[in-house]
Amino acid sequence: MTEPSSSTEPVGSIAEEAFKLFRAMTASPQPDAGTSDGGHVCTATWCPVCQVVGFVHDNPDALAKVSESAAVLTRSLRELIDTALNPRDQT
């Protein structure tokens, strides 16, 4: 197993790493210096990464709705946990 080089970025929080991954997946591909090809061409229509990236590219409002839903779900789970850990008196 190889050790990471000292020039790599430090590992961030889960949210930071998820954001980096999402940004990398949705960014427009940069052509290599040695090629004239304009970007990634997926030859497999079953490729889940290409399908997600294509969907997000074609439906940017869906990303906002998914983010909003995730925030509501997280808030609800937090309230559920708080209620379970600190039950109120029913008198």
PDB file of N, CA and C in Angstrom:
ATOM      1  N   MET A   1       0.844  -1.178   0.000  1.00  0.00           N
ATOM      2  CA  MET A   1       0.000   0.000   0.000  1.00  0.00           C
ATOM      3  C   MET A   1       0.886   1.237   0.000  1.00  0.00           C
ATOM      4  N   THR A   2       0.531   2.234  -0.768  1.00  0.00           N
ATOM      5  CA  THR A   2       1.360   3.427  -0.859  1.00  0.00           C
ATOM      6  C   THR A   2       0.874   4.491   0.094  1.00  0.00           C
ATOM      7  N   GLU A   3       1.782   5.265   0.575  1.00  0.00           N
ATOM      8  CA  GLU A   3       1.462   6.375   1.466  1.00  0.00           C
ATOM      9  C   GLU A   3       1.052   7.583   0.628  1.00  0.00           C
ATOM     10  N   PRO A   4       0.088   8.369   1.082  1.00  0.00           N
ATOM     11  CA  PRO A   4      -0.286   9.570   0.327  1.00  0.00           C
ATOM     12  C   PRO A   4       0.854  10.577   0.353  1.00  0.00           C
ATOM     13  N   SER A   5       0.987  11.296  -0.730  1.00  0.00           N
ATOM     14  CA  SER A   5       2.048  12.296  -0.789  1.00  0.00           C
ATOM     15  C   SER A   5       1.692  13.496   0.077  1.00  0.00           C
ATOM     16  N   SER A   6       2.696  14.258   0.448  1.00  0.00           N
ATOM     17  CA  SER A   6       2.460  15.409   1.324  1.00  0.00           C
ATOM     18  C   SER A   6       1.770  16.557   0.592  1.00  0.00           C
ATOM     19  N   SER A   7       1.656  16.464  -0.738  1.00  0.00           N
ATOM     20  CA  SER A   7       1.018  17.542  -1.494  1.00  0.00           C
ATOM     21  C   SER A   7      -0.496  17.353  -1.640  1.00  0.00           C
ATOM     22  N   THR A   8      -1.050  16.255  -1.114  1.00  0.00           N
ATOM     23  CA  THR A   8      -2.485  16.040  -1.212  1.00  0.00           C
ATOM     24  C   THR A   8      -3.227  16.895  -0.202  1.00  0.00           C
ATOM     25  N   GLU A   9      -4.494  17.146  -0.504  1.00  0.00           N
ATOM     26  CA  GLU A   9      -5.327  17.935   0.398  1.00  0.00           C
ATOM     27  C   GLU A   9      -5.618  17.133   1.659  1.00  0.00           C
ATOM     28  N   PRO A  10      -5.753  17.814   2.789  1.00  0.00           N
ATOM     29  CA  PRO A  10      -6.141  17.090   3.998  1.00  0.00           C
ATOM     30  C   PRO A  10      -7.603  16.649   3.884  1.00  0.00           C
ATOM     31  N   VAL A  11      -7.946  15.585   4.567  1.00  0.00           N
ATOM     32  CA  VAL A  11      -9.313  15.078   4.548  1.00  0.00           C
ATOM     33  C   VAL A  11     -10.175  15.978   5.417  1.00  0.00           C
ATOM     34  N   GLY A  12     -11.306  16.411   4.876  1.00  0.00           N
ATOM     35  CA  GLY A  12     -12.213  17.298   5.595  1.00  0.00           C
ATOM     36  C   GLY A  12     -13.327  16.524   6.269  1.00  0.00           C
ATOM     37  N   SER A  13     -14.329  17.238   6.726  1.00  0.00           N
ATOM     38  CA  SER A  13     -15.485  16.614   7.347  1.00  0.00           C
ATOM     39  C   SER A  13     -16.272  15.847   6.287  1.00  0.00           C
ATOM     40  N   ILE A  14     -17.244  15.072   6.724  1.00  0.00           N
ATOM     41  CA  ILE A  14     -18.060  14.304   5.781  1.00  0.00           C
ATOM     42  C   ILE A  14     -18.767  15.239   4.812  1.00  0.00           C
ATOM     43  N   ALA A  15     -19.290  16.334   5.329  1.00  0.00           N
ATOM     44  CA  ALA A  15     -19.998  17.286   4.465  1.00  0.00           C
ATOM     45  C   ALA A  15     -19.044  17.909   3.443  1.00  0.00           C
ATOM     46  N   GLU A  16     -17.843  18.258   3.877  1.00  0.00           N
ATOM     47  CA  GLU A  16     -16.882  18.856   2.950  1.00  0.00           C
ATOM     48  C   GLU A  16     -16.481  17.863   1.865  1.00  0.00           C
ATOM     49  N   GLU A  17     -16.240  16.617   2.256  1.00  0.00           N
ATOM     50  CA  GLU A  17     -15.842  15.608   1.282  1.00  0.00           C
ATOM     51  C   GLU A  17     -16.991  15.286   0.329  1.00  0.00           C
ATOM     52  N   ALA A  18     -18.220  15.252   0.837  1.00  0.00           N
ATOM     53  CA  ALA A  18     -19.378  15.014  -0.024  1.00  0.00           C
ATOM     54  C   ALA A  18     -19.537  16.158  -1.026  1.00  0.00           C
ATOM     55  N   PHE A  19     -19.323  17.387  -0.553  1.00  0.00           N
ATOM     56  CA  PHE A  19     -19.415  18.536  -1.456  1.00  0.00           C
ATOM     57  C   PHE A  19     -18.334  18.464  -2.530  1.00  0.00           C
ATOM     58  N   LYS A  20     -17.109  18.090  -2.157  1.00  0.00           N
ATOM     59  CA  LYS A  20     -16.030  17.960  -3.138  1.00  0.00           C
ATOM     60  C   LYS A  20     -16.372  16.895  -4.181  1.00  0.00           C
ATOM     61  N   LEU A  21     -16.916  15.762  -3.721  1.00  0.00           N
ATOM     62  CA  LEU A  21     -17.286  14.696  -4.644  1.00  0.00           C
ATOM     63  C   LEU A  21     -18.385  15.148  -5.588  1.00  0.00           C
ATOM     64  N   PHE A  22     -19.417  15.795  -5.029  1.00  0.00           N
ATOM     65  CA  PHE A  22     -20.513  16.271  -5.862  1.00  0.00           C
ATOM     66  C   PHE A  22     -20.018  17.301  -6.878  1.00  0.00           C
ATOM     67  N   ARG A  23     -19.169  18.226  -6.428  1.00  0.00           N
ATOM     68  CA  ARG A  23     -18.626  19.243  -7.327  1.00  0.00           C
ATOM     69  C   ARG A  23     -17.817  18.602  -8.443  1.00  0.00           C
ATOM     70  N   ALA A  24     -17.040  17.579  -8.115  1.00  0.00           N
ATOM     71  CA  ALA A  24     -16.240  16.903  -9.132  1.00  0.00           C
ATOM     72  C   ALA A  24     -17.122  16.151 -10.127  1.00  0.00           C
ATOM     73  N   MET A  25     -18.223  15.596  -9.627  1.00  0.00           N
ATOM     74  CA  MET A  25     -19.104  14.838 -10.512  1.00  0.00           C
ATOM     75  C   MET A  25     -19.913  15.736 -11.436  1.00  0.00           C
ATOM     76  N   THR A  26     -20.246  16.935 -10.994  1.00  0.00           N
ATOM     77  CA  THR A  26     -21.101  17.796 -11.804  1.00  0.00           C
ATOM     78  C   THR A  26     -20.322  18.818 -12.624  1.00  0.00           C
ATOM     79  N   ALA A  27     -19.027  18.911 -12.393  1.00  0.00           N
ATOM     80  CA  ALA A  27     -18.214  19.891 -13.128  1.00  0.00           C
ATOM     81  C   ALA A  27     -18.076  19.452 -14.579  1.00  0.00           C
ATOM     82  N   SER A  28     -17.960  20.415 -15.448  1.00  0.00           N
ATOM     83  CA  SER A  28     -17.715  20.107 -16.849  1.00  0.00           C
ATOM     84  C   SER A  28     -16.327  19.501 -16.977  1.00  0.00           C
ATOM     85  N   PRO A  29     -16.194  18.427 -17.724  1.00  0.00           N
ATOM     86  CA  PRO A  29     -14.885  17.793 -17.861  1.00  0.00           C
ATOM     87  C   PRO A  29     -13.905  18.713 -18.585  1.00  0.00           C
ATOM     88  N   GLN A  30     -12.685  18.720 -18.126  1.00  0.00           N
ATOM     89  CA  GLN A  30     -11.629  19.519 -18.743  1.00  0.00           C
ATOM     90  C   GLN A  30     -10.855  18.626 -19.700  1.00  0.00           C
ATOM     91  N   PRO A  31     -10.680  19.039 -20.947  1.00  0.00           N
ATOM     92  CA  PRO A  31      -9.921  18.202 -21.879  1.00  0.00           C
ATOM     93  C   PRO A  31      -8.465  18.110 -21.458  1.00  0.00           C
ATOM     94  N   ASP A  32      -7.873  16.924 -21.702  1.00  0.00           N
ATOM     95  CA  ASP A  32      -6.454  16.742 -21.404  1.00  0.00           C
ATOM     96  C   ASP A  32      -5.622  17.597 -22.340  1.00  0.00           C
ATOM     97  N   ALA A  33      -4.418  17.950 -21.886  1.00  0.00           N
ATOM     98  CA  ALA A  33      -3.541  18.799 -22.690  1.00  0.00           C
ATOM     99  C   ALA A  33      -3.139  18.113 -23.994  1.00  0.00           C
ATOM    100  N   GLY A  34      -3.021  16.774 -23.972  1.00  0.00           N
ATOM    101  CA  GLY A  34      -2.566  16.050 -25.155  1.00  0.00           C
ATOM    102  C   GLY A  34      -3.672  15.636 -26.095  1.00  0.00           C
ATOM    103  N   THR A  35      -4.927  15.902 -25.758  1.00  0.00           N
ATOM    104  CA  THR A  35      -6.018  15.459 -26.622  1.00  0.00           C
ATOM    105  C   THR A  35      -6.847  16.644 -27.080  1.00  0.00           C
ATOM    106  N   SER A  36      -7.523  16.452 -28.199  1.00  0.00           N
ATOM    107  CA  SER A  36      -8.411  17.499 -28.695  1.00  0.00           C
ATOM    108  C   SER A  36      -9.859  17.181 -28.355  1.00  0.00           C
ATOM    109  N   ASP A  37     -10.094  16.042 -27.684  1.00  0.00           N
ATOM    110  CA  ASP A  37     -11.437  15.635 -27.302  1.00  0.00           C
ATOM    111  C   ASP A  37     -12.010  16.630 -26.298  1.00  0.00           C
ATOM    112  N   GLY A  38     -13.270  16.992 -26.452  1.00  0.00           N
ATOM    113  CA  GLY A  38     -13.894  17.999 -25.605  1.00  0.00           C
ATOM    114  C   GLY A  38     -14.365  17.496 -24.255  1.00  0.00           C
ATOM    115  N   GLY A  39     -14.394  16.178 -24.011  1.00  0.00           N
ATOM    116  CA  GLY A  39     -14.850  15.722 -22.708  1.00  0.00           C
ATOM    117  C   GLY A  39     -15.130  14.242 -22.667  1.00  0.00           C
ATOM    118  N   HIS A  40     -15.725  13.825 -21.582  1.00  0.00           N
ATOM    119  CA  HIS A  40     -16.032  12.422 -21.313  1.00  0.00           C
ATOM    120  C   HIS A  40     -17.190  11.961 -22.173  1.00  0.00           C
ATOM    121  N   VAL A  41     -17.025  10.831 -22.801  1.00  0.00           N
ATOM    122  CA  VAL A  41     -18.109  10.226 -23.561  1.00  0.00           C
ATOM    123  C   VAL A  41     -18.391   8.873 -22.925  1.00  0.00           C
ATOM    124  N   CYS A  42     -19.554   8.743 -22.370  1.00  0.00           N
ATOM    125  CA  CYS A  42     -19.936   7.484 -21.729  1.00  0.00           C
ATOM    126  C   CYS A  42     -20.522   6.574 -22.786  1.00  0.00           C
ATOM    127  N   THR A  43     -19.905   5.431 -22.951  1.00  0.00           N
ATOM    128  CA  THR A  43     -20.401   4.478 -23.943  1.00  0.00           C
ATOM    129  C   THR A  43     -21.376   3.487 -23.332  1.00  0.00           C
ATOM    130  N   ALA A  44     -21.506   3.503 -22.024  1.00  0.00           N
ATOM    131  CA  ALA A  44     -22.423   2.584 -21.342  1.00  0.00           C
ATOM    132  C   ALA A  44     -23.628   3.363 -20.839  1.00  0.00           C
ATOM    133  N   THR A  45     -24.791   3.085 -21.393  1.00  0.00           N
ATOM    134  CA  THR A  45     -25.995   3.796 -20.958  1.00  0.00           C
ATOM    135  C   THR A  45     -26.426   3.380 -19.565  1.00  0.00           C
ATOM    136  N   TRP A  46     -25.881   2.310 -19.048  1.00  0.00           N
ATOM    137  CA  TRP A  46     -26.217   1.844 -17.703  1.00  0.00           C
ATOM    138  C   TRP A  46     -25.333   2.465 -16.637  1.00  0.00           C
ATOM    139  N   CYS A  47     -24.351   3.255 -16.995  1.00  0.00           N
ATOM    140  CA  CYS A  47     -23.402   3.847 -16.047  1.00  0.00           C
ATOM    141  C   CYS A  47     -24.157   4.768 -15.071  1.00  0.00           C
ATOM    142  N   PRO A  48     -24.244   4.408 -13.794  1.00  0.00           N
ATOM    143  CA  PRO A  48     -25.026   5.209 -12.850  1.00  0.00           C
ATOM    144  C   PRO A  48     -24.435   6.598 -12.616  1.00  0.00           C
ATOM    145  N   VAL A  49     -23.135   6.710 -12.670  1.00  0.00           N
ATOM    146  CA  VAL A  49     -22.513   8.021 -12.463  1.00  0.00           C
ATOM    147  C   VAL A  49     -22.902   8.963 -13.590  1.00  0.00           C
ATOM    148  N   CYS A  50     -22.808   8.491 -14.812  1.00  0.00           N
ATOM    149  CA  CYS A  50     -23.170   9.331 -15.956  1.00  0.00           C
ATOM    150  C   CYS A  50     -24.649   9.671 -15.950  1.00  0.00           C
ATOM    151  N   GLN A  51     -25.495   8.732 -15.521  1.00  0.00           N
ATOM    152  CA  GLN A  51     -26.928   9.010 -15.458  1.00  0.00           C
ATOM    153  C   GLN A  51     -27.234  10.088 -14.425  1.00  0.00           C
ATOM    154  N   VAL A  52     -26.603  10.011 -13.247  1.00  0.00           N
ATOM    155  CA  VAL A  52     -26.838  11.024 -12.206  1.00  0.00           C
ATOM    156  C   VAL A  52     -26.330  12.381 -12.665  1.00  0.00           C
ATOM    157  N   VAL A  53     -25.131  12.413 -13.215  1.00  0.00           N
ATOM    158  CA  VAL A  53     -24.568  13.678 -13.680  1.00  0.00           C
ATOM    159  C   VAL A  53     -25.429  14.269 -14.788  1.00  0.00           C
ATOM    160  N   GLY A  54     -25.882  13.448 -15.707  1.00  0.00           N
ATOM    161  CA  GLY A  54     -26.751  13.930 -16.784  1.00  0.00           C
ATOM    162  C   GLY A  54     -28.068  14.462 -16.259  1.00  0.00           C
ATOM    163  N   PHE A  55     -28.657  13.763 -15.276  1.00  0.00           N
ATOM    164  CA  PHE A  55     -29.920  14.212 -14.702  1.00  0.00           C
ATOM    165  C   PHE A  55     -29.755  15.546 -13.998  1.00  0.00           C
ATOM    166  N   VAL A  56     -28.700  15.673 -13.192  1.00  0.00           N
ATOM    167  CA  VAL A  56     -28.462  16.931 -12.474  1.00  0.00           C
ATOM    168  C   VAL A  56     -28.179  18.065 -13.460  1.00  0.00           C
ATOM    169  N   HIS A  57     -27.442  17.757 -14.510  1.00  0.00           N
ATOM    170  CA  HIS A  57     -27.137  18.781 -15.521  1.00  0.00           C
ATOM    171  C   HIS A  57     -28.415  19.255 -16.211  1.00  0.00           C
ATOM    172  N   ASP A  58     -29.316  18.319 -16.514  1.00  0.00           N
ATOM    173  CA  ASP A  58     -30.561  18.670 -17.212  1.00  0.00           C
ATOM    174  C   ASP A  58     -31.637  19.242 -16.291  1.00  0.00           C
ATOM    175  N   ASN A  59     -31.545  18.972 -14.988  1.00  0.00           N
ATOM    176  CA  ASN A  59     -32.565  19.398 -14.019  1.00  0.00           C
ATOM    177  C   ASN A  59     -31.917  20.058 -12.803  1.00  0.00           C
ATOM    178  N   PRO A  60     -31.366  21.249 -12.937  1.00  0.00           N
ATOM    179  CA  PRO A  60     -30.689  21.876 -11.795  1.00  0.00           C
ATOM    180  C   PRO A  60     -31.627  22.175 -10.627  1.00  0.00           C
ATOM    181  N   ASP A  61     -32.915  22.382 -10.902  1.00  0.00           N
ATOM    182  CA  ASP A  61     -33.859  22.636  -9.812  1.00  0.00           C
ATOM    183  C   ASP A  61     -34.086  21.391  -8.964  1.00  0.00           C
ATOM    184  N   ALA A  62     -33.876  20.214  -9.531  1.00  0.00           N
ATOM    185  CA  ALA A  62     -34.025  18.975  -8.761  1.00  0.00           C
ATOM    186  C   ALA A  62     -32.991  18.905  -7.648  1.00  0.00           C
ATOM    187  N   LEU A  63     -31.798  19.401  -7.907  1.00  0.00           N
ATOM    188  CA  LEU A  63     -30.755  19.409  -6.882  1.00  0.00           C
ATOM    189  C   LEU A  63     -31.168  20.280  -5.702  1.00  0.00           C
ATOM    190  N   ALA A  64     -31.771  21.411  -5.973  1.00  0.00           N
ATOM    191  CA  ALA A  64     -32.232  22.293  -4.892  1.00  0.00           C
ATOM    192  C   ALA A  64     -33.330  21.606  -4.080  1.00  0.00           C
ATOM    193  N   LYS A  65     -34.231  20.909  -4.744  1.00  0.00           N
ATOM    194  CA  LYS A  65     -35.317  20.212  -4.043  1.00  0.00           C
ATOM    195  C   LYS A  65     -34.775  19.062  -3.201  1.00  0.00           C
ATOM    196  N   VAL A  66     -33.814  18.324  -3.731  1.00  0.00           N
ATOM    197  CA  VAL A  66     -33.211  17.226  -2.972  1.00  0.00           C
ATOM    198  C   VAL A  66     -32.467  17.777  -1.760  1.00  0.00           C
ATOM    199  N   SER A  67     -31.749  18.864  -1.927  1.00  0.00           N
ATOM    200  CA  SER A  67     -31.033  19.478  -0.804  1.00  0.00           C
ATOM    201  C   SER A  67     -32.007  19.954   0.266  1.00  0.00           C
ATOM    202  N   GLU A  68     -33.091  20.569  -0.156  1.00  0.00           N
ATOM    203  CA  GLU A  68     -34.101  21.039   0.793  1.00  0.00           C
ATOM    204  C   GLU A  68     -34.746  19.865   1.532  1.00  0.00           C
ATOM    205  N   SER A  69     -35.046  18.798   0.814  1.00  0.00           N
ATOM    206  CA  SER A  69     -35.637  17.615   1.438  1.00  0.00           C
ATOM    207  C   SER A  69     -34.673  16.967   2.421  1.00  0.00           C
ATOM    208  N   ALA A  70     -33.405  16.926   2.073  1.00  0.00           N
ATOM    209  CA  ALA A  70     -32.404  16.363   2.986  1.00  0.00           C
ATOM    210  C   ALA A  70     -32.304  17.198   4.260  1.00  0.00           C
ATOM    211  N   ALA A  71     -32.389  18.510   4.126  1.00  0.00           N
ATOM    212  CA  ALA A  71     -32.339  19.385   5.301  1.00  0.00           C
ATOM    213  C   ALA A  71     -33.559  19.165   6.195  1.00  0.00           C
ATOM    214  N   VAL A  72     -34.739  19.021   5.599  1.00  0.00           N
ATOM    215  CA  VAL A  72     -35.957  18.774   6.376  1.00  0.00           C
ATOM    216  C   VAL A  72     -35.868  17.414   7.069  1.00  0.00           C
ATOM    217  N   LEU A  73     -35.387  16.407   6.371  1.00  0.00           N
ATOM    218  CA  LEU A  73     -35.229  15.084   6.966  1.00  0.00           C
ATOM    219  C   LEU A  73     -34.249  15.127   8.136  1.00  0.00           C
ATOM    220  N   THR A  74     -33.138  15.806   7.954  1.00  0.00           N
ATOM    221  CA  THR A  74     -32.144  15.929   9.018  1.00  0.00           C
ATOM    222  C   THR A  74     -32.729  16.638  10.219  1.00  0.00           C
ATOM    223  N   ARG A  75     -33.461  17.708   9.997  1.00  0.00           N
ATOM    224  CA  ARG A  75     -34.099  18.454  11.086  1.00  0.00           C
ATOM    225  C   ARG A  75     -35.107  17.572  11.822  1.00  0.00           C
ATOM    226  N   SER A  76     -35.896  16.807  11.077  1.00  0.00           N
ATOM    227  CA  SER A  76     -36.886  15.919  11.690  1.00  0.00           C
ATOM    228  C   SER A  76     -36.223  14.830  12.524  1.00  0.00           C
ATOM    229  N   LEU A  77     -35.154  14.252  12.001  1.00  0.00           N
ATOM    230  CA  LEU A  77     -34.431  13.234  12.757  1.00  0.00           C
ATOM    231  C   LEU A  77     -33.830  13.812  14.022  1.00  0.00           C
ATOM    232  N   ARG A  78     -33.306  15.012  13.931  1.00  0.00           N
ATOM    233  CA  ARG A  78     -32.742  15.668  15.106  1.00  0.00           C
ATOM    234  C   ARG A  78     -33.819  15.896  16.172  1.00  0.00           C
ATOM    235  N   GLU A  79     -34.994  16.366  15.766  1.00  0.00           N
ATOM    236  CA  GLU A  79     -36.095  16.575  16.706  1.00  0.00           C
ATOM    237  C   GLU A  79     -36.551  15.251  17.307  1.00  0.00           C
ATOM    238  N   LEU A  80     -36.595  14.195  16.516  1.00  0.00           N
ATOM    239  CA  LEU A  80     -36.975  12.883  17.011  1.00  0.00           C
ATOM    240  C   LEU A  80     -35.990  12.391  18.065  1.00  0.00           C
ATOM    241  N   ILE A  81     -34.716  12.546  17.802  1.00  0.00           N
ATOM    242  CA  ILE A  81     -33.682  12.132  18.759  1.00  0.00           C
ATOM    243  C   ILE A  81     -33.765  12.965  20.022  1.00  0.00           C
ATOM    244  N   ASP A  82     -33.924  14.280  19.880  1.00  0.00           N
ATOM    245  CA  ASP A  82     -34.045  15.144  21.056  1.00  0.00           C
ATOM    246  C   ASP A  82     -35.251  14.759  21.904  1.00  0.00           C
ATOM    247  N   THR A  83     -36.368  14.455  21.263  1.00  0.00           N
ATOM    248  CA  THR A  83     -37.581  14.055  21.983  1.00  0.00           C
ATOM    249  C   THR A  83     -37.375  12.711  22.683  1.00  0.00           C
ATOM    250  N   ALA A  84     -36.714  11.788  22.028  1.00  0.00           N
ATOM    251  CA  ALA A  84     -36.477  10.473  22.619  1.00  0.00           C
ATOM    252  C   ALA A  84     -35.534  10.555  23.815  1.00  0.00           C
ATOM    253  N   LEU A  85     -34.553  11.442  23.741  1.00  0.00           N
ATOM    254  CA  LEU A  85     -33.583  11.565  24.830  1.00  0.00           C
ATOM    255  C   LEU A  85     -34.087  12.423  25.983  1.00  0.00           C
ATOM    256  N   ASN A  86     -34.996  13.347  25.714  1.00  0.00           N
ATOM    257  CA  ASN A  86     -35.522  14.257  26.722  1.00  0.00           C
ATOM    258  C   ASN A  86     -37.043  14.246  26.685  1.00  0.00           C
ATOM    259  N   PRO A  87     -37.672  13.172  27.163  1.00  0.00           N
ATOM    260  CA  PRO A  87     -39.145  13.110  27.106  1.00  0.00           C
ATOM    261  C   PRO A  87     -39.764  14.191  27.997  1.00  0.00           C
ATOM    262  N   ARG A  88     -40.892  14.729  27.528  1.00  0.00           N
ATOM    263  CA  ARG A  88     -41.606  15.760  28.288  1.00  0.00           C
ATOM    264  C   ARG A  88     -42.559  15.094  29.265  1.00  0.00           C
ATOM    265  N   ASP A  89     -42.838  15.767  30.363  1.00  0.00           N
ATOM    266  CA  ASP A  89     -43.799  15.247  31.342  1.00  0.00           C
ATOM    267  C   ASP A  89     -45.198  15.350  30.761  1.00  0.00           C
ATOM    268  N   GLN A  90     -45.991  14.297  30.921  1.00  0.00           N
ATOM    269  CA  GLN A  90     -47.356  14.250  30.404  1.00  0.00           C
ATOM    270  C   GLN A  90     -48.364  14.429  31.531  1.00  0.00           C
ATOM    271  N   THR A  91     -48.240  15.506  32.329  1.00  0.00           N
ATOM    272  CA  THR A  91     -49.157  15.729  33.461  1.00  0.00           C
ATOM    273  C   THR A  91     -50.141  16.811  33.173  1.00  0.00           C
TER     274      THR A  91
END
